[in-house]
Amino acid sequence: LDTPTGFLKVRNMPGDKGQEIAQVKPGDIFPHLDTDIETGWYEIRYEAPKAGLPEGIVGWVSPKFATIAASPN
């Protein structure tokens, strides 16, 4: 979703106290991995798996600026 800053902070843990580890652009689509029950924040994989990173790189984004889209399957 649109943000006041033009980007969405990806954090290392759910919630505003998590350290910013990346920024993603509004409109980008990433796999949703989990939702934190306490905060409602979404865990995403923002970098695809590759050699040396078989799980890719994951982080957390605020539900205030993100939505979960229906799977195309």
C-alpha atoms as a PDB file:
ATOM      1  CA  LEU A   1       0.000   0.000   0.000  1.00  0.00           C
ATOM      2  CA  ASP A   2       1.042   3.635  -0.281  1.00  0.00           C
ATOM      3  CA  THR A   3       3.163   4.991   2.557  1.00  0.00           C
ATOM      4  CA  PRO A   4       3.999   8.554   3.626  1.00  0.00           C
ATOM      5  CA  THR A   5       7.691   7.886   2.932  1.00  0.00           C
ATOM      6  CA  GLY A   6       7.298   6.160  -0.449  1.00  0.00           C
ATOM      7  CA  PHE A   7       8.719   2.899   0.920  1.00  0.00           C
ATOM      8  CA  LEU A   8       7.874   0.283   3.530  1.00  0.00           C
ATOM      9  CA  LYS A   9      10.366  -0.637   6.235  1.00  0.00           C
ATOM     10  CA  VAL A  10      11.129  -4.337   6.615  1.00  0.00           C
ATOM     11  CA  ARG A  11      12.111  -5.155  10.186  1.00  0.00           C
ATOM     12  CA  ASN A  12      13.951  -8.055  11.798  1.00  0.00           C
ATOM     13  CA  MET A  13      11.083  -8.702  14.228  1.00  0.00           C
ATOM     14  CA  PRO A  14       7.387  -7.765  14.284  1.00  0.00           C
ATOM     15  CA  GLY A  15       6.569  -4.324  15.656  1.00  0.00           C
ATOM     16  CA  ASP A  16       7.985  -0.822  15.501  1.00  0.00           C
ATOM     17  CA  LYS A  17      10.839  -1.720  17.847  1.00  0.00           C
ATOM     18  CA  GLY A  18      12.323  -4.154  15.324  1.00  0.00           C
ATOM     19  CA  GLN A  19      15.477  -2.999  13.554  1.00  0.00           C
ATOM     20  CA  GLU A  20      15.017  -1.858   9.949  1.00  0.00           C
ATOM     21  CA  ILE A  21      16.800  -4.347   7.707  1.00  0.00           C
ATOM     22  CA  ALA A  22      15.441  -3.366   4.283  1.00  0.00           C
ATOM     23  CA  GLN A  23      12.991  -1.164   2.420  1.00  0.00           C
ATOM     24  CA  VAL A  24      10.474  -2.291  -0.190  1.00  0.00           C
ATOM     25  CA  LYS A  25       8.372  -0.247  -2.600  1.00  0.00           C
ATOM     26  CA  PRO A  26       4.591   0.108  -2.478  1.00  0.00           C
ATOM     27  CA  GLY A  27       3.044  -2.251  -5.031  1.00  0.00           C
ATOM     28  CA  ASP A  28       5.824  -4.848  -4.799  1.00  0.00           C
ATOM     29  CA  ILE A  29       4.592  -8.374  -4.083  1.00  0.00           C
ATOM     30  CA  PHE A  30       6.319 -10.817  -1.731  1.00  0.00           C
ATOM     31  CA  PRO A  31       5.420 -14.250  -0.355  1.00  0.00           C
ATOM     32  CA  HIS A  32       3.562 -14.079   2.982  1.00  0.00           C
ATOM     33  CA  LEU A  33       5.064 -16.571   5.422  1.00  0.00           C
ATOM     34  CA  ASP A  34       3.381 -15.876   8.740  1.00  0.00           C
ATOM     35  CA  THR A  35       1.356 -13.359  10.766  1.00  0.00           C
ATOM     36  CA  ASP A  36       2.373 -12.396  14.299  1.00  0.00           C
ATOM     37  CA  ILE A  37      -0.676 -12.896  16.538  1.00  0.00           C
ATOM     38  CA  GLU A  38       0.267 -10.166  19.029  1.00  0.00           C
ATOM     39  CA  THR A  39       1.088  -7.354  16.577  1.00  0.00           C
ATOM     40  CA  GLY A  40      -0.648  -8.461  13.377  1.00  0.00           C
ATOM     41  CA  TRP A  41       2.585  -7.845  11.460  1.00  0.00           C
ATOM     42  CA  TYR A  42       3.291  -9.952   8.361  1.00  0.00           C
ATOM     43  CA  GLU A  43       6.429 -11.997   7.812  1.00  0.00           C
ATOM     44  CA  ILE A  44       7.527 -11.848   4.171  1.00  0.00           C
ATOM     45  CA  ARG A  45      10.329 -13.275   2.053  1.00  0.00           C
ATOM     46  CA  TYR A  46      11.715 -10.163   0.374  1.00  0.00           C
ATOM     47  CA  GLU A  47      14.698 -11.832  -1.238  1.00  0.00           C
ATOM     48  CA  ALA A  48      14.369 -15.129  -3.082  1.00  0.00           C
ATOM     49  CA  PRO A  49      16.383 -18.211  -2.142  1.00  0.00           C
ATOM     50  CA  LYS A  50      19.778 -18.531  -3.819  1.00  0.00           C
ATOM     51  CA  ALA A  51      23.124 -20.240  -3.311  1.00  0.00           C
ATOM     52  CA  GLY A  52      24.204 -19.691   0.280  1.00  0.00           C
ATOM     53  CA  LEU A  53      20.706 -18.484   1.282  1.00  0.00           C
ATOM     54  CA  PRO A  54      18.418 -21.484   0.762  1.00  0.00           C
ATOM     55  CA  GLU A  55      15.561 -19.796   2.648  1.00  0.00           C
ATOM     56  CA  GLY A  56      16.093 -16.383   1.053  1.00  0.00           C
ATOM     57  CA  ILE A  57      15.850 -13.337   3.304  1.00  0.00           C
ATOM     58  CA  VAL A  58      12.797 -12.710   5.461  1.00  0.00           C
ATOM     59  CA  GLY A  59      11.525  -9.830   7.553  1.00  0.00           C
ATOM     60  CA  TRP A  60       8.385  -8.247   8.996  1.00  0.00           C
ATOM     61  CA  VAL A  61       6.137  -5.486   7.625  1.00  0.00           C
ATOM     62  CA  SER A  62       3.323  -3.494   9.188  1.00  0.00           C
ATOM     63  CA  PRO A  63      -0.251  -4.499   8.313  1.00  0.00           C
ATOM     64  CA  LYS A  64      -1.009  -0.767   8.226  1.00  0.00           C
ATOM     65  CA  PHE A  65       0.808  -0.568   4.879  1.00  0.00           C
ATOM     66  CA  ALA A  66       0.470  -4.129   3.520  1.00  0.00           C
ATOM     67  CA  THR A  67      -2.283  -6.549   2.614  1.00  0.00           C
ATOM     68  CA  ILE A  68      -2.370 -10.276   2.001  1.00  0.00           C
ATOM     69  CA  ALA A  69      -3.484 -11.013  -1.545  1.00  0.00           C
ATOM     70  CA  ALA A  70      -5.323 -14.170  -2.503  1.00  0.00           C
ATOM     71  CA  SER A  71      -3.153 -16.889  -3.974  1.00  0.00           C
ATOM     72  CA  PRO A  72      -3.499 -17.191  -7.772  1.00  0.00           C
ATOM     73  CA  ASN A  73      -3.908 -20.973  -7.426  1.00  0.00           C
END
